[in-house]
PDB file of N, CA and C in Angstrom:
ATOM      1  N   UNK A   1     102.250 164.431 -38.576  1.00  0.00           N
ATOM      2  CA  UNK A   1     101.370 163.824 -38.565  1.00  0.00           C
ATOM      3  C   UNK A   1     100.766 163.957 -36.984  1.00  0.00           C
ATOM      4  N   UNK A   2      99.971 164.080 -36.833  1.00  0.00           N
ATOM      5  CA  UNK A   2      99.369 163.765 -35.710  1.00  0.00           C
ATOM      6  C   UNK A   2      98.331 163.387 -35.350  1.00  0.00           C
ATOM      7  N   UNK A   3      98.839 162.803 -34.242  1.00  0.00           N
ATOM      8  CA  UNK A   3      97.925 161.237 -33.200  1.00  0.00           C
ATOM      9  C   UNK A   3      96.358 162.120 -32.110  1.00  0.00           C
ATOM     10  N   UNK A   4      95.370 161.678 -32.202  1.00  0.00           N
ATOM     11  CA  UNK A   4      94.756 162.046 -31.384  1.00  0.00           C
ATOM     12  C   UNK A   4      93.943 160.724 -30.696  1.00  0.00           C
ATOM     13  N   UNK A   5      93.795 160.440 -29.723  1.00  0.00           N
ATOM     14  CA  UNK A   5      93.226 159.785 -29.290  1.00  0.00           C
ATOM     15  C   UNK A   5      91.789 159.685 -28.268  1.00  0.00           C
ATOM     16  N   UNK A   6      91.230 159.189 -28.194  1.00  0.00           N
ATOM     17  CA  UNK A   6      89.554 158.925 -27.660  1.00  0.00           C
ATOM     18  C   UNK A   6      89.782 158.256 -26.461  1.00  0.00           C
ATOM     19  N   UNK A   7      88.951 159.051 -25.346  1.00  0.00           N
ATOM     20  CA  UNK A   7      89.012 157.846 -24.171  1.00  0.00           C
ATOM     21  C   UNK A   7      88.370 156.549 -24.471  1.00  0.00           C
ATOM     22  N   UNK A   8      88.182 156.081 -25.316  1.00  0.00           N
ATOM     23  CA  UNK A   8      87.574 154.751 -25.734  1.00  0.00           C
ATOM     24  C   UNK A   8      88.845 154.286 -26.481  1.00  0.00           C
ATOM     25  N   UNK A   9      89.870 154.724 -26.616  1.00  0.00           N
ATOM     26  CA  UNK A   9      90.913 154.353 -27.197  1.00  0.00           C
ATOM     27  C   UNK A   9      91.133 153.963 -28.167  1.00  0.00           C
ATOM     28  N   UNK A  10      90.477 154.936 -29.047  1.00  0.00           N
ATOM     29  CA  UNK A  10      90.121 154.895 -30.436  1.00  0.00           C
ATOM     30  C   UNK A  10      91.222 156.011 -30.565  1.00  0.00           C
ATOM     31  N   UNK A  11      92.194 155.839 -31.746  1.00  0.00           N
ATOM     32  CA  UNK A  11      92.947 156.939 -32.222  1.00  0.00           C
ATOM     33  C   UNK A  11      92.792 157.381 -33.763  1.00  0.00           C
ATOM     34  N   UNK A  12      93.333 158.524 -34.325  1.00  0.00           N
ATOM     35  CA  UNK A  12      93.180 159.533 -35.668  1.00  0.00           C
ATOM     36  C   UNK A  12      94.308 159.741 -35.841  1.00  0.00           C
ATOM     37  N   UNK A  13      94.661 159.737 -37.019  1.00  0.00           N
ATOM     38  CA  UNK A  13      95.995 160.459 -37.757  1.00  0.00           C
ATOM     39  C   UNK A  13      95.065 161.577 -38.548  1.00  0.00           C
ATOM     40  N   UNK A  14      96.291 162.424 -38.164  1.00  0.00           N
ATOM     41  CA  UNK A  14      95.788 163.841 -38.937  1.00  0.00           C
ATOM     42  C   UNK A  14      96.571 164.723 -39.363  1.00  0.00           C
ATOM     43  N   UNK A  15      96.940 165.566 -40.617  1.00  0.00           N
ATOM     44  CA  UNK A  15      97.672 166.329 -40.787  1.00  0.00           C
ATOM     45  C   UNK A  15      97.261 167.722 -40.242  1.00  0.00           C
ATOM     46  N   UNK A  16      96.245 168.068 -39.906  1.00  0.00           N
ATOM     47  CA  UNK A  16      95.661 169.087 -39.428  1.00  0.00           C
ATOM     48  C   UNK A  16      94.798 169.057 -38.794  1.00  0.00           C
ATOM     49  N   UNK A  17      94.221 169.673 -37.549  1.00  0.00           N
ATOM     50  CA  UNK A  17      93.005 169.045 -36.709  1.00  0.00           C
ATOM     51  C   UNK A  17      92.782 169.984 -36.055  1.00  0.00           C
ATOM     52  N   UNK A  18      91.722 170.330 -35.229  1.00  0.00           N
ATOM     53  CA  UNK A  18      91.122 170.938 -34.324  1.00  0.00           C
ATOM     54  C   UNK A  18      90.642 170.443 -33.042  1.00  0.00           C
ATOM     55  N   UNK A  19      90.540 170.960 -31.815  1.00  0.00           N
ATOM     56  CA  UNK A  19      89.620 170.014 -30.894  1.00  0.00           C
ATOM     57  C   UNK A  19      89.440 171.229 -29.613  1.00  0.00           C
ATOM     58  N   UNK A  20      88.033 171.333 -29.235  1.00  0.00           N
ATOM     59  CA  UNK A  20      87.634 171.741 -28.156  1.00  0.00           C
ATOM     60  C   UNK A  20      86.118 172.108 -29.248  1.00  0.00           C
ATOM     61  N   UNK A  21      85.675 173.522 -28.535  1.00  0.00           N
ATOM     62  CA  UNK A  21      84.291 174.278 -29.041  1.00  0.00           C
ATOM     63  C   UNK A  21      84.496 174.901 -30.267  1.00  0.00           C
ATOM     64  N   UNK A  22      83.967 174.221 -31.443  1.00  0.00           N
ATOM     65  CA  UNK A  22      83.718 175.091 -32.663  1.00  0.00           C
ATOM     66  C   UNK A  22      84.634 174.461 -33.599  1.00  0.00           C
ATOM     67  N   UNK A  23      85.025 173.213 -33.160  1.00  0.00           N
ATOM     68  CA  UNK A  23      86.419 171.859 -33.630  1.00  0.00           C
ATOM     69  C   UNK A  23      85.782 171.677 -35.213  1.00  0.00           C
ATOM     70  N   UNK A  24      84.309 171.433 -35.118  1.00  0.00           N
ATOM     71  CA  UNK A  24      83.950 170.846 -36.371  1.00  0.00           C
ATOM     72  C   UNK A  24      83.724 172.421 -37.258  1.00  0.00           C
ATOM     73  N   UNK A  25      83.694 173.186 -36.949  1.00  0.00           N
ATOM     74  CA  UNK A  25      83.914 174.082 -37.979  1.00  0.00           C
ATOM     75  C   UNK A  25      85.377 174.438 -38.438  1.00  0.00           C
ATOM     76  N   UNK A  26      86.227 174.564 -37.425  1.00  0.00           N
ATOM     77  CA  UNK A  26      87.943 174.737 -37.833  1.00  0.00           C
ATOM     78  C   UNK A  26      87.729 173.376 -38.640  1.00  0.00           C
ATOM     79  N   UNK A  27      87.615 172.493 -38.339  1.00  0.00           N
ATOM     80  CA  UNK A  27      88.287 171.300 -39.038  1.00  0.00           C
ATOM     81  C   UNK A  27      87.560 171.254 -40.796  1.00  0.00           C
ATOM     82  N   UNK A  28      86.589 171.775 -40.182  1.00  0.00           N
ATOM     83  CA  UNK A  28      86.251 171.854 -42.031  1.00  0.00           C
ATOM     84  C   UNK A  28      86.736 172.730 -42.878  1.00  0.00           C
ATOM     85  N   UNK A  29      87.198 174.120 -42.758  1.00  0.00           N
ATOM     86  CA  UNK A  29      88.135 174.943 -43.211  1.00  0.00           C
ATOM     87  C   UNK A  29      89.628 174.325 -43.221  1.00  0.00           C
ATOM     88  N   UNK A  30      90.079 173.692 -42.579  1.00  0.00           N
ATOM     89  CA  UNK A  30      91.408 172.672 -42.593  1.00  0.00           C
ATOM     90  C   UNK A  30      91.170 171.840 -43.779  1.00  0.00           C
ATOM     91  N   UNK A  31      90.089 171.031 -43.540  1.00  0.00           N
ATOM     92  CA  UNK A  31      89.956 170.029 -44.843  1.00  0.00           C
ATOM     93  C   UNK A  31      90.037 170.844 -46.293  1.00  0.00           C
ATOM     94  N   UNK A  32      89.359 172.308 -46.109  1.00  0.00           N
ATOM     95  CA  UNK A  32      88.867 172.681 -47.272  1.00  0.00           C
ATOM     96  C   UNK A  32      90.395 173.801 -47.498  1.00  0.00           C
ATOM     97  N   UNK A  33      91.146 174.122 -46.944  1.00  0.00           N
ATOM     98  CA  UNK A  33      92.404 174.697 -46.922  1.00  0.00           C
ATOM     99  C   UNK A  33      93.234 174.456 -47.160  1.00  0.00           C
ATOM    100  N   UNK A  34      93.576 173.162 -46.340  1.00  0.00           N
ATOM    101  CA  UNK A  34      94.977 172.964 -46.123  1.00  0.00           C
ATOM    102  C   UNK A  34      95.719 171.883 -47.137  1.00  0.00           C
ATOM    103  N   UNK A  35      96.632 172.155 -47.909  1.00  0.00           N
ATOM    104  CA  UNK A  35      97.708 171.698 -48.982  1.00  0.00           C
ATOM    105  C   UNK A  35      98.629 171.318 -48.766  1.00  0.00           C
ATOM    106  N   UNK A  36      99.436 170.077 -48.903  1.00  0.00           N
ATOM    107  CA  UNK A  36     100.647 169.825 -48.191  1.00  0.00           C
ATOM    108  C   UNK A  36     101.813 170.986 -49.027  1.00  0.00           C
ATOM    109  N   UNK A  37     101.721 171.107 -50.419  1.00  0.00           N
ATOM    110  CA  UNK A  37     102.756 171.754 -50.595  1.00  0.00           C
ATOM    111  C   UNK A  37     102.568 173.853 -50.301  1.00  0.00           C
ATOM    112  N   UNK A  38     101.702 173.983 -49.737  1.00  0.00           N
ATOM    113  CA  UNK A  38     101.590 175.422 -49.334  1.00  0.00           C
ATOM    114  C   UNK A  38     102.200 175.008 -47.447  1.00  0.00           C
ATOM    115  N   UNK A  39     102.624 174.143 -46.797  1.00  0.00           N
ATOM    116  CA  UNK A  39     103.108 174.315 -45.754  1.00  0.00           C
ATOM    117  C   UNK A  39     104.547 173.934 -45.384  1.00  0.00           C
ATOM    118  N   UNK A  40     105.082 174.834 -46.666  1.00  0.00           N
ATOM    119  CA  UNK A  40     106.702 174.699 -46.462  1.00  0.00           C
ATOM    120  C   UNK A  40     107.261 175.530 -45.445  1.00  0.00           C
ATOM    121  N   UNK A  41     107.028 176.188 -44.834  1.00  0.00           N
ATOM    122  CA  UNK A  41     107.720 176.796 -43.911  1.00  0.00           C
ATOM    123  C   UNK A  41     106.560 177.050 -42.023  1.00  0.00           C
ATOM    124  N   UNK A  42     107.147 177.290 -41.430  1.00  0.00           N
ATOM    125  CA  UNK A  42     106.602 177.338 -39.943  1.00  0.00           C
ATOM    126  C   UNK A  42     105.490 178.821 -40.062  1.00  0.00           C
ATOM    127  N   UNK A  43     106.046 179.915 -40.860  1.00  0.00           N
ATOM    128  CA  UNK A  43     105.183 180.865 -40.950  1.00  0.00           C
ATOM    129  C   UNK A  43     103.842 180.757 -41.702  1.00  0.00           C
ATOM    130  N   UNK A  44     104.025 179.662 -42.956  1.00  0.00           N
ATOM    131  CA  UNK A  44     102.885 179.693 -43.590  1.00  0.00           C
ATOM    132  C   UNK A  44     101.711 178.650 -42.485  1.00  0.00           C
ATOM    133  N   UNK A  45     102.437 177.270 -42.394  1.00  0.00           N
ATOM    134  CA  UNK A  45     101.670 176.996 -41.114  1.00  0.00           C
ATOM    135  C   UNK A  45     100.946 177.707 -40.186  1.00  0.00           C
ATOM    136  N   UNK A  46     101.823 178.650 -39.686  1.00  0.00           N
ATOM    137  CA  UNK A  46     100.941 179.576 -38.553  1.00  0.00           C
ATOM    138  C   UNK A  46      99.453 180.411 -39.097  1.00  0.00           C
ATOM    139  N   UNK A  47      99.898 180.688 -40.518  1.00  0.00           N
ATOM    140  CA  UNK A  47      98.888 181.646 -40.707  1.00  0.00           C
ATOM    141  C   UNK A  47      97.669 180.776 -41.339  1.00  0.00           C
ATOM    142  N   UNK A  48      97.655 179.490 -41.623  1.00  0.00           N
ATOM    143  CA  UNK A  48      96.655 178.669 -41.789  1.00  0.00           C
ATOM    144  C   UNK A  48      96.227 178.697 -40.338  1.00  0.00           C
ATOM    145  N   UNK A  49      97.025 177.886 -39.731  1.00  0.00           N
ATOM    146  CA  UNK A  49      96.302 178.381 -38.257  1.00  0.00           C
ATOM    147  C   UNK A  49      95.411 179.575 -37.935  1.00  0.00           C
ATOM    148  N   UNK A  50      96.240 179.989 -38.371  1.00  0.00           N
ATOM    149  CA  UNK A  50      95.462 181.571 -37.208  1.00  0.00           C
ATOM    150  C   UNK A  50      94.085 182.074 -38.327  1.00  0.00           C
ATOM    151  N   UNK A  51      93.987 181.629 -39.656  1.00  0.00           N
ATOM    152  CA  UNK A  51      92.965 181.588 -40.314  1.00  0.00           C
ATOM    153  C   UNK A  51      91.583 180.951 -40.020  1.00  0.00           C
ATOM    154  N   UNK A  52      92.199 179.550 -39.653  1.00  0.00           N
ATOM    155  CA  UNK A  52      91.231 178.781 -39.275  1.00  0.00           C
ATOM    156  C   UNK A  52      90.858 179.402 -38.363  1.00  0.00           C
ATOM    157  N   UNK A  53      91.446 179.665 -37.313  1.00  0.00           N
ATOM    158  CA  UNK A  53      90.584 179.788 -36.081  1.00  0.00           C
ATOM    159  C   UNK A  53      89.959 181.527 -36.152  1.00  0.00           C
ATOM    160  N   UNK A  54      90.088 182.570 -36.865  1.00  0.00           N
ATOM    161  CA  UNK A  54      89.587 183.794 -37.492  1.00  0.00           C
ATOM    162  C   UNK A  54      88.274 183.571 -37.628  1.00  0.00           C
ATOM    163  N   UNK A  55      88.117 182.057 -38.069  1.00  0.00           N
ATOM    164  CA  UNK A  55      86.714 181.975 -38.530  1.00  0.00           C
ATOM    165  C   UNK A  55      85.741 181.744 -37.756  1.00  0.00           C
ATOM    166  N   UNK A  56      86.241 181.145 -36.364  1.00  0.00           N
ATOM    167  CA  UNK A  56      85.187 181.092 -35.162  1.00  0.00           C
ATOM    168  C   UNK A  56      85.479 182.040 -34.379  1.00  0.00           C
ATOM    169  N   UNK A  57      86.533 182.692 -34.143  1.00  0.00           N
ATOM    170  CA  UNK A  57      86.911 183.872 -32.932  1.00  0.00           C
ATOM    171  C   UNK A  57      85.961 184.927 -33.618  1.00  0.00           C
ATOM    172  N   UNK A  58      85.524 185.742 -32.551  1.00  0.00           N
ATOM    173  CA  UNK A  58      84.814 186.814 -32.837  1.00  0.00           C
ATOM    174  C   UNK A  58      86.197 188.094 -32.811  1.00  0.00           C
ATOM    175  N   UNK A  59      86.392 188.059 -32.151  1.00  0.00           N
ATOM    176  CA  UNK A  59      87.400 189.367 -31.760  1.00  0.00           C
ATOM    177  C   UNK A  59      88.629 189.677 -31.710  1.00  0.00           C
ATOM    178  N   UNK A  60      88.834 188.465 -33.086  1.00  0.00           N
ATOM    179  CA  UNK A  60      90.604 189.091 -33.851  1.00  0.00           C
ATOM    180  C   UNK A  60      91.675 188.303 -32.815  1.00  0.00           C
ATOM    181  N   UNK A  61      92.830 188.622 -32.999  1.00  0.00           N
ATOM    182  CA  UNK A  61      93.612 187.882 -32.309  1.00  0.00           C
ATOM    183  C   UNK A  61      93.642 188.299 -30.836  1.00  0.00           C
ATOM    184  N   UNK A  62      92.934 188.786 -30.321  1.00  0.00           N
ATOM    185  CA  UNK A  62      92.903 188.871 -29.115  1.00  0.00           C
ATOM    186  C   UNK A  62      92.604 187.420 -27.963  1.00  0.00           C
ATOM    187  N   UNK A  63      91.716 186.975 -28.861  1.00  0.00           N
ATOM    188  CA  UNK A  63      91.278 185.537 -27.856  1.00  0.00           C
ATOM    189  C   UNK A  63      92.128 183.890 -28.333  1.00  0.00           C
ATOM    190  N   UNK A  64      93.023 184.356 -29.127  1.00  0.00           N
ATOM    191  CA  UNK A  64      93.690 183.664 -29.617  1.00  0.00           C
ATOM    192  C   UNK A  64      95.157 183.100 -29.331  1.00  0.00           C
ATOM    193  N   UNK A  65      95.512 181.845 -28.720  1.00  0.00           N
ATOM    194  CA  UNK A  65      96.506 182.014 -27.859  1.00  0.00           C
ATOM    195  C   UNK A  65      97.235 180.478 -28.599  1.00  0.00           C
ATOM    196  N   UNK A  66      98.591 180.982 -29.307  1.00  0.00           N
ATOM    197  CA  UNK A  66      98.925 179.513 -30.066  1.00  0.00           C
ATOM    198  C   UNK A  66     100.766 179.447 -29.827  1.00  0.00           C
ATOM    199  N   UNK A  67     100.561 178.288 -29.574  1.00  0.00           N
ATOM    200  CA  UNK A  67     101.878 177.014 -29.748  1.00  0.00           C
ATOM    201  C   UNK A  67     102.036 176.218 -30.741  1.00  0.00           C
ATOM    202  N   UNK A  68     103.264 176.060 -30.780  1.00  0.00           N
ATOM    203  CA  UNK A  68     104.092 175.004 -31.605  1.00  0.00           C
ATOM    204  C   UNK A  68     105.022 173.392 -31.348  1.00  0.00           C
ATOM    205  N   UNK A  69     104.634 172.539 -31.637  1.00  0.00           N
ATOM    206  CA  UNK A  69     105.752 171.672 -31.091  1.00  0.00           C
ATOM    207  C   UNK A  69     106.282 171.170 -32.534  1.00  0.00           C
ATOM    208  N   UNK A  70     107.360 170.500 -32.086  1.00  0.00           N
ATOM    209  CA  UNK A  70     107.891 169.982 -33.340  1.00  0.00           C
ATOM    210  C   UNK A  70     108.897 168.719 -32.671  1.00  0.00           C
ATOM    211  N   UNK A  71     109.476 167.594 -33.304  1.00  0.00           N
ATOM    212  CA  UNK A  71     110.136 166.757 -32.898  1.00  0.00           C
ATOM    213  C   UNK A  71     111.304 167.246 -32.123  1.00  0.00           C
ATOM    214  N   UNK A  72     111.758 166.663 -30.982  1.00  0.00           N
ATOM    215  CA  UNK A  72     112.932 166.947 -30.764  1.00  0.00           C
ATOM    216  C   UNK A  72     113.410 168.495 -30.095  1.00  0.00           C
ATOM    217  N   UNK A  73     112.112 169.116 -30.246  1.00  0.00           N
ATOM    218  CA  UNK A  73     112.194 170.606 -29.477  1.00  0.00           C
ATOM    219  C   UNK A  73     110.760 170.738 -28.896  1.00  0.00           C
ATOM    220  N   UNK A  74     111.194 171.726 -27.898  1.00  0.00           N
ATOM    221  CA  UNK A  74     110.626 171.704 -26.522  1.00  0.00           C
ATOM    222  C   UNK A  74     109.593 172.819 -27.188  1.00  0.00           C
ATOM    223  N   UNK A  75     108.422 172.812 -26.513  1.00  0.00           N
ATOM    224  CA  UNK A  75     106.752 173.581 -27.124  1.00  0.00           C
ATOM    225  C   UNK A  75     107.046 174.796 -26.761  1.00  0.00           C
ATOM    226  N   UNK A  76     106.764 175.833 -28.018  1.00  0.00           N
ATOM    227  CA  UNK A  76     106.946 176.778 -27.825  1.00  0.00           C
ATOM    228  C   UNK A  76     105.659 177.928 -28.118  1.00  0.00           C
ATOM    229  N   UNK A  77     105.507 178.715 -26.861  1.00  0.00           N
ATOM    230  CA  UNK A  77     104.537 179.343 -27.005  1.00  0.00           C
ATOM    231  C   UNK A  77     104.304 180.753 -27.285  1.00  0.00           C
ATOM    232  N   UNK A  78     103.296 181.147 -28.241  1.00  0.00           N
ATOM    233  CA  UNK A  78     103.866 182.615 -28.710  1.00  0.00           C
ATOM    234  C   UNK A  78     103.313 183.514 -27.961  1.00  0.00           C
ATOM    235  N   UNK A  79     103.825 184.626 -27.894  1.00  0.00           N
ATOM    236  CA  UNK A  79     103.736 185.948 -27.531  1.00  0.00           C
ATOM    237  C   UNK A  79     102.533 186.366 -28.146  1.00  0.00           C
ATOM    238  N   UNK A  80     101.715 186.688 -27.341  1.00  0.00           N
ATOM    239  CA  UNK A  80     100.419 188.007 -27.884  1.00  0.00           C
ATOM    240  C   UNK A  80     100.756 188.635 -29.039  1.00  0.00           C
ATOM    241  N   UNK A  81     101.746 189.439 -29.058  1.00  0.00           N
ATOM    242  CA  UNK A  81     102.390 190.355 -30.052  1.00  0.00           C
ATOM    243  C   UNK A  81     102.824 189.593 -31.389  1.00  0.00           C
ATOM    244  N   UNK A  82     103.504 188.080 -31.180  1.00  0.00           N
ATOM    245  CA  UNK A  82     103.974 187.237 -32.304  1.00  0.00           C
ATOM    246  C   UNK A  82     102.291 187.055 -33.252  1.00  0.00           C
ATOM    247  N   UNK A  83     101.273 186.730 -32.174  1.00  0.00           N
ATOM    248  CA  UNK A  83     100.015 186.169 -32.679  1.00  0.00           C
ATOM    249  C   UNK A  83      99.339 187.347 -33.694  1.00  0.00           C
ATOM    250  N   UNK A  84      99.193 188.299 -33.033  1.00  0.00           N
ATOM    251  CA  UNK A  84      98.465 190.078 -33.339  1.00  0.00           C
ATOM    252  C   UNK A  84      99.331 190.266 -34.684  1.00  0.00           C
ATOM    253  N   UNK A  85     100.767 189.573 -35.010  1.00  0.00           N
ATOM    254  CA  UNK A  85     101.544 190.054 -36.124  1.00  0.00           C
ATOM    255  C   UNK A  85     101.018 189.276 -37.218  1.00  0.00           C
ATOM    256  N   UNK A  86     100.861 188.281 -37.275  1.00  0.00           N
ATOM    257  CA  UNK A  86      99.974 187.253 -38.174  1.00  0.00           C
ATOM    258  C   UNK A  86      98.441 187.526 -38.330  1.00  0.00           C
ATOM    259  N   UNK A  87      97.766 188.067 -37.722  1.00  0.00           N
ATOM    260  CA  UNK A  87      96.498 188.814 -37.534  1.00  0.00           C
ATOM    261  C   UNK A  87      96.729 190.251 -38.517  1.00  0.00           C
ATOM    262  N   UNK A  88      97.452 190.489 -38.507  1.00  0.00           N
ATOM    263  CA  UNK A  88      97.761 192.058 -39.402  1.00  0.00           C
ATOM    264  C   UNK A  88      98.252 191.559 -40.744  1.00  0.00           C
ATOM    265  N   UNK A  89      99.094 190.214 -40.510  1.00  0.00           N
ATOM    266  CA  UNK A  89      99.193 190.532 -42.079  1.00  0.00           C
ATOM    267  C   UNK A  89      98.164 189.534 -42.694  1.00  0.00           C
ATOM    268  N   UNK A  90      97.686 188.549 -42.264  1.00  0.00           N
ATOM    269  CA  UNK A  90      96.215 188.134 -42.742  1.00  0.00           C
ATOM    270  C   UNK A  90      95.301 189.213 -43.038  1.00  0.00           C
ATOM    271  N   UNK A  91      95.124 190.394 -42.266  1.00  0.00           N
ATOM    272  CA  UNK A  91      94.145 191.805 -42.180  1.00  0.00           C
ATOM    273  C   UNK A  91      94.434 191.986 -43.391  1.00  0.00           C
ATOM    274  N   UNK A  92      96.098 192.485 -43.554  1.00  0.00           N
ATOM    275  CA  UNK A  92      96.164 193.246 -44.812  1.00  0.00           C
ATOM    276  C   UNK A  92      96.178 192.202 -46.367  1.00  0.00           C
ATOM    277  N   UNK A  93      96.532 191.312 -46.488  1.00  0.00           N
ATOM    278  CA  UNK A  93      96.315 190.711 -47.370  1.00  0.00           C
ATOM    279  C   UNK A  93      94.939 190.320 -47.644  1.00  0.00           C
ATOM    280  N   UNK A  94      94.428 190.223 -47.101  1.00  0.00           N
ATOM    281  CA  UNK A  94      92.794 190.004 -47.314  1.00  0.00           C
ATOM    282  C   UNK A  94      91.989 191.802 -47.887  1.00  0.00           C
ATOM    283  N   UNK A  95      92.487 192.476 -47.147  1.00  0.00           N
ATOM    284  CA  UNK A  95      92.384 194.117 -47.961  1.00  0.00           C
ATOM    285  C   UNK A  95      92.915 194.066 -49.326  1.00  0.00           C
ATOM    286  N   UNK A  96      94.258 194.064 -49.664  1.00  0.00           N
ATOM    287  CA  UNK A  96      94.481 193.703 -50.519  1.00  0.00           C
ATOM    288  C   UNK A  96      94.137 193.237 -51.669  1.00  0.00           C
ATOM    289  N   UNK A  97      93.322 191.184 -51.198  1.00  0.00           N
ATOM    290  CA  UNK A  97      92.582 190.826 -52.184  1.00  0.00           C
ATOM    291  C   UNK A  97      91.365 191.372 -53.001  1.00  0.00           C
ATOM    292  N   UNK A  98      91.118 192.028 -51.821  1.00  0.00           N
ATOM    293  CA  UNK A  98      89.626 192.689 -52.109  1.00  0.00           C
ATOM    294  C   UNK A  98      89.898 193.635 -53.065  1.00  0.00           C
ATOM    295  N   UNK A  99      90.878 194.635 -52.845  1.00  0.00           N
ATOM    296  CA  UNK A  99      91.195 195.411 -53.798  1.00  0.00           C
ATOM    297  C   UNK A  99      91.238 195.373 -54.859  1.00  0.00           C
ATOM    298  N   UNK A 100      92.154 194.184 -55.343  1.00  0.00           N
ATOM    299  CA  UNK A 100      92.543 193.585 -56.489  1.00  0.00           C
ATOM    300  C   UNK A 100      90.943 192.958 -57.172  1.00  0.00           C
ATOM    301  N   UNK A 101      90.396 192.596 -56.690  1.00  0.00           N
ATOM    302  CA  UNK A 101      89.219 192.049 -56.610  1.00  0.00           C
ATOM    303  C   UNK A 101      88.577 193.116 -57.354  1.00  0.00           C
ATOM    304  N   UNK A 102      87.568 193.960 -56.591  1.00  0.00           N
ATOM    305  CA  UNK A 102      87.028 195.635 -56.872  1.00  0.00           C
ATOM    306  C   UNK A 102      87.888 196.058 -58.167  1.00  0.00           C
ATOM    307  N   UNK A 103      89.077 196.121 -58.651  1.00  0.00           N
ATOM    308  CA  UNK A 103      89.668 196.563 -59.366  1.00  0.00           C
ATOM    309  C   UNK A 103      89.581 195.766 -60.673  1.00  0.00           C
ATOM    310  N   UNK A 104      89.835 194.367 -60.611  1.00  0.00           N
ATOM    311  CA  UNK A 104      89.313 193.457 -61.706  1.00  0.00           C
ATOM    312  C   UNK A 104      87.571 194.133 -61.802  1.00  0.00           C
ATOM    313  N   UNK A 105      87.223 194.257 -60.804  1.00  0.00           N
ATOM    314  CA  UNK A 105      85.595 193.861 -61.371  1.00  0.00           C
ATOM    315  C   UNK A 105      85.380 195.579 -61.970  1.00  0.00           C
ATOM    316  N   UNK A 106      85.818 196.371 -61.576  1.00  0.00           N
ATOM    317  CA  UNK A 106      86.026 197.532 -62.074  1.00  0.00           C
ATOM    318  C   UNK A 106      86.138 197.878 -63.438  1.00  0.00           C
ATOM    319  N   UNK A 107      87.143 196.802 -64.338  1.00  0.00           N
ATOM    320  CA  UNK A 107      87.547 196.765 -65.613  1.00  0.00           C
ATOM    321  C   UNK A 107      86.664 196.009 -66.308  1.00  0.00           C
ATOM    322  N   UNK A 108      85.753 195.182 -65.537  1.00  0.00           N
ATOM    323  CA  UNK A 108      85.462 194.400 -66.448  1.00  0.00           C
ATOM    324  C   UNK A 108      83.792 194.994 -66.944  1.00  0.00           C
ATOM    325  N   UNK A 109      83.277 195.764 -66.021  1.00  0.00           N
ATOM    326  CA  UNK A 109      82.207 196.628 -66.128  1.00  0.00           C
ATOM    327  C   UNK A 109      82.206 197.820 -67.385  1.00  0.00           C
TER     328      UNK A 109
END
């Protein structure tokens, strides 16, 4: 769980959350797309985070910085190359899904 405390001392528990500019849009994306069974590996969690950020970031992975935190471990800041690798994988998945969609549409008409 994630815990967020606001300046008044009110706290909130989250499974996934966003703060900062465009947080509302990212939070809505996470509420819609976060599914506990899909979060089995770090890679799947990072993919969801990047997908959420790409909803509001215009220039792709260039302006995305990611860090991971785990209990009992030091915070790890991902290299820009690691972030770009995730963005590229997501773009490839999106292209493949669009191809399948077009192929399916072509067979039904």
